[in-house]
Amino acid sequence: MTTPADLREAIPVTDEVAYFNTGATGPAPDRTLDAAAAWEREQNVDLLAETDPYPVSFDEYDACRERVAAHLGVDADDLALTESTADGVSAVVAALELGAGDVAVTTDLEHPAGTLPLARLERRHGVEVRVVDTDRGRVDTDAFAAAVEGADLALFSSLSWTYGTRLPVAEMVDIAHDAGAFALVDAVQSPGQGPVDFGAWGADAVAASGHKWLLGPWGTGILHVAPDAADRLHPAQVTYRSVADPAADPYELAAGARRFERGTASIGPFVGLRESLDLLEGVGMTTVRDRIETLAARLVDALPDDRVLGPSEPESGLVPVDVADPEATVERLRDRGLMLRDVPDPAAVRASVHAFNTETEVDRLAEALAAEPRRDDGP
């Protein structure tokens, strides 16, 4: 059985710094980096000398899709491999082909990966965008229900990227469906923090990425599309990989989520992600979740109550902390070998605590943050 200590040993950046920025970019293990590099050499050297690289490469691509789908509890036919969460969100929003008179609903907790595609709908196509105000990372489901009435699309996160709060995803999906809206979930902060089943939420589509808590490389986007939702989506980009038969005229879109996959995508990152999944599952996703919860609670408990802007009992590894100048604090702590980031709303620094972190690192971070001035401190 692999332990969190083994996980840490496999990640080279932990030899350099105390890394608390997984919510932005997860640190890849050596075996992940090695597998991705080995595939790139095989595809660009060995296969070229031996065979047609396309069939072998796309067989590998399909195998990666199956591996990722198994981790997320969904069927491989309902999963597309994309470049990023933003790629998946934007592709689904565009595929709905909304226009003047249509309505999209979101919350004020969303990352630009979600807000920008909606802003484009508003600017370019006259779609009304309604934004539900929240309170310290909490969504009032009654307010959400009122906003989504008569809407065509509801877009919201599974985990707030700034507060670290868990949204009531399944309940919000049900509310959206009752109103006749397509439910699209930005789940980028969920996979890798514990067991995840995308299908259990009941959403029409879920976008995520492997490069954060799953500790995979950049370029590992994940898009799940429910079987009964795919036919409502006509991607804005159609390629030979997104149709049933590239030679057919007229073309027919590929079944399920695969209609969102495009041409000669990069396979190496997903080969690397497969290694990260094996490593995390070797630890056990329940163990990973419990370890994250324990370390996040240790950080929160070590700080004054009024410094923590997220839940007093952490709901994820994301912990926002009140400081007077978030950008300056990030720079100062970086000089001390503590890596984290600032977030805009609430204006704070955000620590991302993963299972590979240690109690000693958490205590160092808490001590450093407690010493930082806060916003209402005097000169």
Protein backbone atom coordinates (compact mmCIF):
# COMPACT_ATOMS: atom_id res chain seq x y z
CA MET A 1 0.00 0.00 0.00
CA THR A 2 1.36 3.39 -1.00
CA THR A 3 1.34 6.01 1.76
CA PRO A 4 1.11 9.82 1.64
CA ALA A 5 4.82 9.81 2.53
CA ASP A 6 5.48 7.66 -0.56
CA LEU A 7 3.44 10.11 -2.62
CA ARG A 8 5.58 12.96 -1.34
CA GLU A 9 8.77 11.05 -2.10
CA ALA A 10 7.62 10.65 -5.71
CA ILE A 11 7.20 14.42 -6.26
CA PRO A 12 10.49 16.20 -6.93
CA VAL A 13 9.34 19.75 -6.13
CA THR A 14 8.90 18.75 -2.47
CA ASP A 15 12.69 18.58 -2.23
CA GLU A 16 12.86 22.27 -3.15
CA VAL A 17 9.98 24.07 -1.39
CA ALA A 18 6.92 23.64 0.79
CA TYR A 19 4.38 23.55 -2.01
CA PHE A 20 0.89 24.90 -1.21
CA ASN A 21 -0.29 25.92 -4.69
CA THR A 22 -1.84 22.72 -6.02
CA GLY A 23 -5.15 24.53 -6.58
CA ALA A 24 -3.36 26.40 -9.36
CA THR A 25 -0.93 23.77 -10.65
CA GLY A 26 -0.25 20.41 -9.08
CA PRO A 27 3.36 19.24 -8.85
CA ALA A 28 3.88 16.24 -11.12
CA PRO A 29 5.61 13.09 -9.83
CA ASP A 30 8.81 11.88 -11.51
CA ARG A 31 7.07 8.86 -12.97
CA THR A 32 4.45 11.11 -14.57
CA LEU A 33 7.09 13.28 -16.20
CA ASP A 34 9.08 10.23 -17.31
CA ALA A 35 6.05 8.50 -18.85
CA ALA A 36 5.02 11.59 -20.79
CA ALA A 37 8.54 12.09 -22.10
CA ALA A 38 8.91 8.43 -23.02
CA TRP A 39 5.69 8.50 -25.02
CA GLU A 40 6.77 11.64 -26.89
CA ARG A 41 9.99 9.89 -27.93
CA GLU A 42 8.16 6.72 -28.90
CA GLN A 43 5.63 8.62 -31.00
CA ASN A 44 8.17 10.89 -32.67
CA VAL A 45 11.02 8.40 -33.17
CA ASP A 46 10.22 4.72 -32.72
CA LEU A 47 6.78 4.66 -34.35
CA LEU A 48 7.96 6.69 -37.31
CA ALA A 49 10.64 4.10 -37.99
CA GLU A 50 8.32 1.13 -37.63
CA THR A 51 4.72 1.84 -38.67
CA ASP A 52 1.97 4.35 -39.35
CA PRO A 53 1.90 6.35 -36.08
CA TYR A 54 -1.76 7.35 -36.30
CA PRO A 55 -3.51 4.06 -35.41
CA VAL A 56 -1.06 3.30 -32.59
CA SER A 57 -1.28 6.82 -31.23
CA PHE A 58 -5.05 6.95 -31.23
CA ASP A 59 -5.25 3.50 -29.61
CA GLU A 60 -3.10 4.95 -26.83
CA TYR A 61 -5.36 7.98 -26.68
CA ASP A 62 -8.41 5.73 -26.28
CA ALA A 63 -6.65 3.78 -23.53
CA CYS A 64 -5.94 7.02 -21.67
CA ARG A 65 -9.57 8.05 -22.00
CA GLU A 66 -10.69 4.74 -20.53
CA ARG A 67 -8.28 5.13 -17.60
CA VAL A 68 -9.45 8.66 -16.78
CA ALA A 69 -13.10 7.67 -17.14
CA ALA A 70 -12.65 4.80 -14.70
CA HIS A 71 -11.18 7.16 -12.12
CA LEU A 72 -14.15 9.51 -12.47
CA GLY A 73 -16.80 6.78 -12.37
CA VAL A 74 -18.13 7.36 -15.90
CA ASP A 75 -18.25 5.47 -19.17
CA ALA A 76 -15.41 6.19 -21.58
CA ASP A 77 -17.91 6.98 -24.37
CA ASP A 78 -19.21 9.84 -22.22
CA LEU A 79 -15.77 11.41 -21.78
CA ALA A 80 -13.74 13.63 -24.09
CA LEU A 81 -10.09 14.47 -23.58
CA THR A 82 -9.53 18.18 -24.10
CA GLU A 83 -6.77 20.67 -23.34
CA SER A 84 -8.10 22.23 -20.14
CA THR A 85 -11.15 23.00 -18.04
CA ALA A 86 -11.52 26.31 -19.86
CA ASP A 87 -11.41 24.44 -23.17
CA GLY A 88 -14.23 22.13 -22.11
CA VAL A 89 -16.42 24.85 -20.61
CA SER A 90 -16.03 27.12 -23.61
CA ALA A 91 -16.69 24.29 -26.05
CA VAL A 92 -19.94 23.29 -24.36
CA VAL A 93 -21.17 26.87 -24.05
CA ALA A 94 -20.53 27.44 -27.76
CA ALA A 95 -22.13 24.11 -28.71
CA LEU A 96 -25.45 25.12 -27.15
CA GLU A 97 -25.78 27.80 -29.84
CA LEU A 98 -27.60 30.28 -27.61
CA GLY A 99 -28.72 33.64 -28.94
CA ALA A 100 -30.88 36.69 -28.33
CA GLY A 101 -33.76 35.89 -25.99
CA ASP A 102 -31.88 33.06 -24.29
CA VAL A 103 -30.71 33.22 -20.67
CA ALA A 104 -27.62 31.90 -18.92
CA VAL A 105 -27.23 31.79 -15.13
CA THR A 106 -24.06 31.63 -13.09
CA THR A 107 -22.77 32.69 -9.66
CA ASP A 108 -20.29 35.31 -8.49
CA LEU A 109 -17.95 32.49 -7.39
CA GLU A 110 -16.87 31.48 -10.86
CA HIS A 111 -13.39 31.47 -12.34
CA PRO A 112 -12.78 33.36 -15.61
CA ALA A 113 -12.83 29.93 -17.31
CA GLY A 114 -16.59 30.11 -16.77
CA THR A 115 -17.33 33.82 -16.83
CA LEU A 116 -15.56 34.65 -20.10
CA PRO A 117 -17.54 32.26 -22.35
CA LEU A 118 -20.73 33.74 -20.89
CA ALA A 119 -19.45 37.28 -21.42
CA ARG A 120 -18.90 36.40 -25.07
CA LEU A 121 -22.47 35.10 -25.35
CA GLU A 122 -23.70 38.35 -23.90
CA ARG A 123 -21.55 40.59 -26.10
CA ARG A 124 -21.70 38.70 -29.38
CA HIS A 125 -25.08 36.98 -29.28
CA GLY A 126 -27.31 39.05 -27.01
CA VAL A 127 -27.74 36.33 -24.38
CA GLU A 128 -28.94 37.57 -20.99
CA VAL A 129 -26.50 36.55 -18.24
CA ARG A 130 -27.83 36.46 -14.69
CA VAL A 131 -25.34 36.33 -11.81
CA VAL A 132 -26.42 34.96 -8.43
CA ASP A 133 -24.75 36.74 -5.51
CA THR A 134 -23.29 34.49 -2.82
CA ASP A 135 -22.22 34.93 0.80
CA ARG A 136 -18.71 33.79 1.80
CA GLY A 137 -18.77 31.03 -0.74
CA ARG A 138 -22.34 29.91 -0.01
CA VAL A 139 -25.10 29.74 -2.60
CA ASP A 140 -28.68 30.46 -1.56
CA THR A 141 -30.48 27.77 -3.52
CA ASP A 142 -33.75 29.72 -3.41
CA ALA A 143 -32.02 32.68 -5.05
CA PHE A 144 -30.48 30.32 -7.57
CA ALA A 145 -33.88 28.80 -8.33
CA ALA A 146 -35.37 32.24 -8.89
CA ALA A 147 -32.55 33.22 -11.23
CA VAL A 148 -32.64 30.01 -13.27
CA GLU A 149 -36.37 30.18 -13.90
CA GLY A 150 -36.81 30.34 -17.66
CA ALA A 151 -33.06 30.00 -18.27
CA ASP A 152 -31.39 27.88 -20.93
CA LEU A 153 -28.02 27.32 -19.26
CA ALA A 154 -26.79 27.13 -15.67
CA LEU A 155 -23.02 27.19 -15.17
CA PHE A 156 -21.48 26.80 -11.70
CA SER A 157 -18.54 25.26 -9.86
CA SER A 158 -18.41 22.17 -7.70
CA LEU A 159 -15.88 23.81 -5.37
CA SER A 160 -15.30 27.52 -4.94
CA TRP A 161 -11.76 28.28 -6.09
CA THR A 162 -11.47 31.26 -3.73
CA TYR A 163 -13.33 30.20 -0.55
CA GLY A 164 -12.80 26.44 -0.76
CA THR A 165 -16.49 25.79 -0.13
CA ARG A 166 -18.38 22.85 -1.57
CA LEU A 167 -21.42 23.84 -3.58
CA PRO A 168 -24.57 21.68 -3.41
CA VAL A 169 -23.98 20.45 -6.93
CA ALA A 170 -26.62 17.72 -7.19
CA GLU A 171 -29.28 20.03 -5.72
CA MET A 172 -28.35 22.86 -8.08
CA VAL A 173 -28.41 20.47 -11.04
CA ASP A 174 -31.92 19.36 -10.06
CA ILE A 175 -33.05 22.98 -9.76
CA ALA A 176 -31.59 23.78 -13.18
CA HIS A 177 -33.26 20.76 -14.77
CA ASP A 178 -36.60 21.60 -13.18
CA ALA A 179 -36.34 24.98 -14.88
CA GLY A 180 -35.45 23.38 -18.21
CA ALA A 181 -31.83 24.60 -18.18
CA PHE A 182 -28.73 22.75 -19.30
CA ALA A 183 -26.49 22.17 -16.25
CA LEU A 184 -22.75 22.66 -16.83
CA VAL A 185 -20.37 22.18 -13.88
CA ASP A 186 -16.82 23.51 -13.59
CA ALA A 187 -15.29 20.78 -11.42
CA VAL A 188 -11.63 21.68 -11.80
CA GLN A 189 -10.97 21.74 -8.03
CA SER A 190 -12.66 18.40 -7.27
CA PRO A 191 -10.76 15.49 -8.90
CA GLY A 192 -7.74 14.52 -6.85
CA GLN A 193 -9.09 15.76 -3.52
CA GLY A 194 -10.90 12.51 -2.87
CA PRO A 195 -13.27 10.03 -4.53
CA VAL A 196 -15.25 11.66 -7.35
CA ASP A 197 -18.17 10.35 -9.40
CA PHE A 198 -19.10 12.84 -12.12
CA GLY A 199 -22.19 10.87 -13.07
CA ALA A 200 -23.64 11.03 -9.54
CA TRP A 201 -24.19 14.79 -9.84
CA GLY A 202 -26.61 14.28 -12.72
CA ALA A 203 -25.20 17.25 -14.65
CA ASP A 204 -25.46 17.49 -18.42
CA ALA A 205 -21.75 18.26 -18.70
CA VAL A 206 -18.80 18.48 -16.31
CA ALA A 207 -15.45 20.04 -17.21
CA ALA A 208 -12.24 19.49 -15.26
CA SER A 209 -8.51 19.06 -15.65
CA GLY A 210 -5.78 16.68 -14.58
CA HIS A 211 -3.10 19.28 -13.88
CA LYS A 212 -4.20 20.35 -10.41
CA TRP A 213 -5.05 17.92 -7.59
CA LEU A 214 -4.60 14.89 -9.87
CA LEU A 215 -0.93 15.91 -10.25
CA GLY A 216 -0.89 15.49 -14.01
CA PRO A 217 0.76 17.60 -16.72
CA TRP A 218 -0.71 20.70 -18.31
CA GLY A 219 -2.89 19.95 -21.33
CA THR A 220 -4.96 17.24 -19.63
CA GLY A 221 -8.50 18.58 -19.94
CA ILE A 222 -11.48 16.38 -19.11
CA LEU A 223 -15.04 16.80 -20.37
CA HIS A 224 -17.89 14.52 -19.30
CA VAL A 225 -21.15 14.75 -21.25
CA ALA A 226 -24.20 12.84 -20.04
CA PRO A 227 -25.52 10.34 -22.62
CA ASP A 228 -28.89 12.06 -22.88
CA ALA A 229 -27.32 15.50 -23.29
CA ALA A 230 -24.88 14.94 -26.14
CA ASP A 231 -27.41 15.35 -28.94
CA ARG A 232 -28.21 18.86 -27.68
CA LEU A 233 -24.64 19.92 -28.39
CA HIS A 234 -23.24 20.77 -31.82
CA PRO A 235 -19.59 21.77 -31.34
CA ALA A 236 -18.42 24.98 -32.96
CA GLN A 237 -15.28 23.16 -34.11
CA VAL A 238 -15.81 20.01 -36.15
CA THR A 239 -12.80 17.89 -37.14
CA TYR A 240 -12.09 14.40 -38.45
CA ARG A 241 -11.94 13.16 -34.83
CA SER A 242 -15.31 14.63 -33.85
CA VAL A 243 -17.38 12.95 -36.58
CA ALA A 244 -18.48 9.38 -37.14
CA ASP A 245 -16.99 9.19 -40.64
CA PRO A 246 -14.67 11.95 -41.89
CA ALA A 247 -15.51 11.07 -45.52
CA ALA A 248 -19.29 11.22 -45.13
CA ASP A 249 -21.27 14.04 -46.74
CA PRO A 250 -23.16 15.29 -44.88
CA TYR A 251 -21.07 14.61 -41.80
CA GLU A 252 -22.52 13.00 -38.69
CA LEU A 253 -21.18 13.99 -35.30
CA ALA A 254 -19.50 11.27 -33.26
CA ALA A 255 -21.67 9.75 -30.57
CA GLY A 256 -21.39 11.04 -27.02
CA ALA A 257 -18.66 13.26 -25.70
CA ARG A 258 -16.16 12.33 -28.41
CA ARG A 259 -17.72 14.96 -30.67
CA PHE A 260 -15.64 17.43 -28.65
CA GLU A 261 -12.29 15.83 -29.44
CA ARG A 262 -10.20 17.47 -32.13
CA GLY A 263 -7.51 16.31 -34.58
CA THR A 264 -3.97 15.34 -33.63
CA ALA A 265 -4.12 16.14 -29.94
CA SER A 266 -1.11 15.78 -27.67
CA ILE A 267 -1.18 12.32 -26.08
CA GLY A 268 1.93 12.51 -23.90
CA PRO A 269 0.28 14.56 -21.13
CA PHE A 270 -2.48 11.95 -20.75
CA VAL A 271 0.06 9.12 -20.68
CA GLY A 272 1.66 11.02 -17.80
CA LEU A 273 -1.70 11.62 -16.11
CA ARG A 274 -2.33 7.88 -16.15
CA GLU A 275 0.76 7.44 -13.97
CA SER A 276 -0.46 10.09 -11.54
CA LEU A 277 -3.82 8.33 -11.27
CA ASP A 278 -2.10 5.02 -10.53
CA LEU A 279 -0.03 6.68 -7.81
CA LEU A 280 -2.97 8.45 -6.17
CA GLU A 281 -5.17 5.38 -6.32
CA GLY A 282 -2.33 3.39 -4.81
CA VAL A 283 -2.58 5.68 -1.79
CA GLY A 284 -6.38 5.40 -1.94
CA MET A 285 -8.63 8.34 -2.73
CA THR A 286 -10.37 8.08 0.65
CA THR A 287 -6.98 8.26 2.34
CA VAL A 288 -6.08 11.26 0.18
CA ARG A 289 -9.31 13.00 1.17
CA ASP A 290 -8.84 12.29 4.86
CA ARG A 291 -5.25 13.47 4.78
CA ILE A 292 -6.21 16.72 3.02
CA GLU A 293 -9.00 17.36 5.53
CA THR A 294 -6.69 16.72 8.48
CA LEU A 295 -3.92 19.00 7.24
CA ALA A 296 -6.32 21.77 6.17
CA ALA A 297 -7.95 21.66 9.61
CA ARG A 298 -4.51 21.84 11.22
CA LEU A 299 -3.75 25.01 9.26
CA VAL A 300 -7.09 26.61 10.11
CA ASP A 301 -6.82 25.70 13.80
CA ALA A 302 -3.35 27.27 13.99
CA LEU A 303 -4.60 30.64 12.72
CA PRO A 304 -6.77 33.20 14.51
CA ASP A 305 -10.43 32.60 13.66
CA ASP A 306 -10.85 36.00 12.04
CA ARG A 307 -7.94 35.42 9.65
CA VAL A 308 -9.53 32.45 7.88
CA LEU A 309 -12.00 33.59 5.22
CA GLY A 310 -13.21 30.11 4.32
CA PRO A 311 -15.10 27.61 6.48
CA SER A 312 -13.86 27.17 10.05
CA GLU A 313 -14.13 23.44 9.34
CA PRO A 314 -12.44 23.13 5.93
CA GLU A 315 -14.44 21.51 3.16
CA SER A 316 -11.45 21.11 0.85
CA GLY A 317 -7.73 21.70 0.72
CA LEU A 318 -8.30 25.34 -0.28
CA VAL A 319 -7.81 27.75 2.64
CA PRO A 320 -8.07 31.53 2.03
CA VAL A 321 -6.38 33.75 4.62
CA ASP A 322 -6.84 37.47 5.24
CA VAL A 323 -3.67 39.57 4.77
CA ALA A 324 -3.16 43.28 4.09
CA ASP A 325 -1.37 42.83 0.76
CA PRO A 326 -1.87 39.38 -0.78
CA GLU A 327 0.60 39.84 -3.63
CA ALA A 328 3.35 41.08 -1.30
CA THR A 329 2.67 38.24 1.13
CA VAL A 330 3.00 35.66 -1.65
CA GLU A 331 6.38 37.16 -2.59
CA ARG A 332 7.63 37.26 1.00
CA LEU A 333 6.61 33.67 1.69
CA ARG A 334 8.11 32.52 -1.60
CA ASP A 335 11.45 33.87 -0.41
CA ARG A 336 11.03 31.62 2.63
CA GLY A 337 10.36 28.53 0.54
CA LEU A 338 6.56 28.57 0.99
CA MET A 339 4.66 28.51 -2.31
CA LEU A 340 1.05 29.71 -2.46
CA ARG A 341 -0.95 32.30 -4.39
CA ASP A 342 -3.24 35.29 -4.02
CA VAL A 343 -6.90 35.31 -5.07
CA PRO A 344 -9.09 38.30 -5.99
CA ASP A 345 -12.40 37.83 -4.18
CA PRO A 346 -12.06 37.70 -1.28
CA ALA A 347 -8.73 39.53 -1.52
CA ALA A 348 -6.59 36.95 0.24
CA VAL A 349 -3.78 34.48 -0.04
CA ARG A 350 -4.89 30.94 -0.72
CA ALA A 351 -3.12 27.87 0.54
CA SER A 352 -3.79 24.58 -1.25
CA VAL A 353 -3.12 21.66 1.09
CA HIS A 354 -2.63 18.25 -0.51
CA ALA A 355 -1.92 14.80 0.90
CA PHE A 356 1.79 15.08 0.08
CA ASN A 357 2.22 18.03 2.44
CA THR A 358 3.49 17.44 5.97
CA GLU A 359 2.48 18.64 9.41
CA THR A 360 5.79 20.47 9.73
CA GLU A 361 5.17 22.37 6.50
CA VAL A 362 1.66 23.28 7.58
CA ASP A 363 2.95 24.59 10.91
CA ARG A 364 5.61 26.67 9.11
CA LEU A 365 2.96 28.14 6.84
CA ALA A 366 0.60 28.93 9.73
CA GLU A 367 3.37 30.69 11.64
CA ALA A 368 4.34 32.75 8.61
CA LEU A 369 0.75 33.73 7.81
CA ALA A 370 -0.05 34.66 11.41
CA ALA A 371 2.87 37.08 11.35
CA GLU A 372 1.60 38.88 8.25
CA PRO A 373 -0.38 42.14 8.75
CA ARG A 374 -4.07 41.88 8.01
CA ARG A 375 -6.28 44.35 6.14
CA ASP A 376 -7.67 46.21 9.15
CA ASP A 377 -4.36 46.50 11.02
CA GLY A 378 -3.24 50.06 11.62
CA PRO A 379 -0.13 51.62 10.09
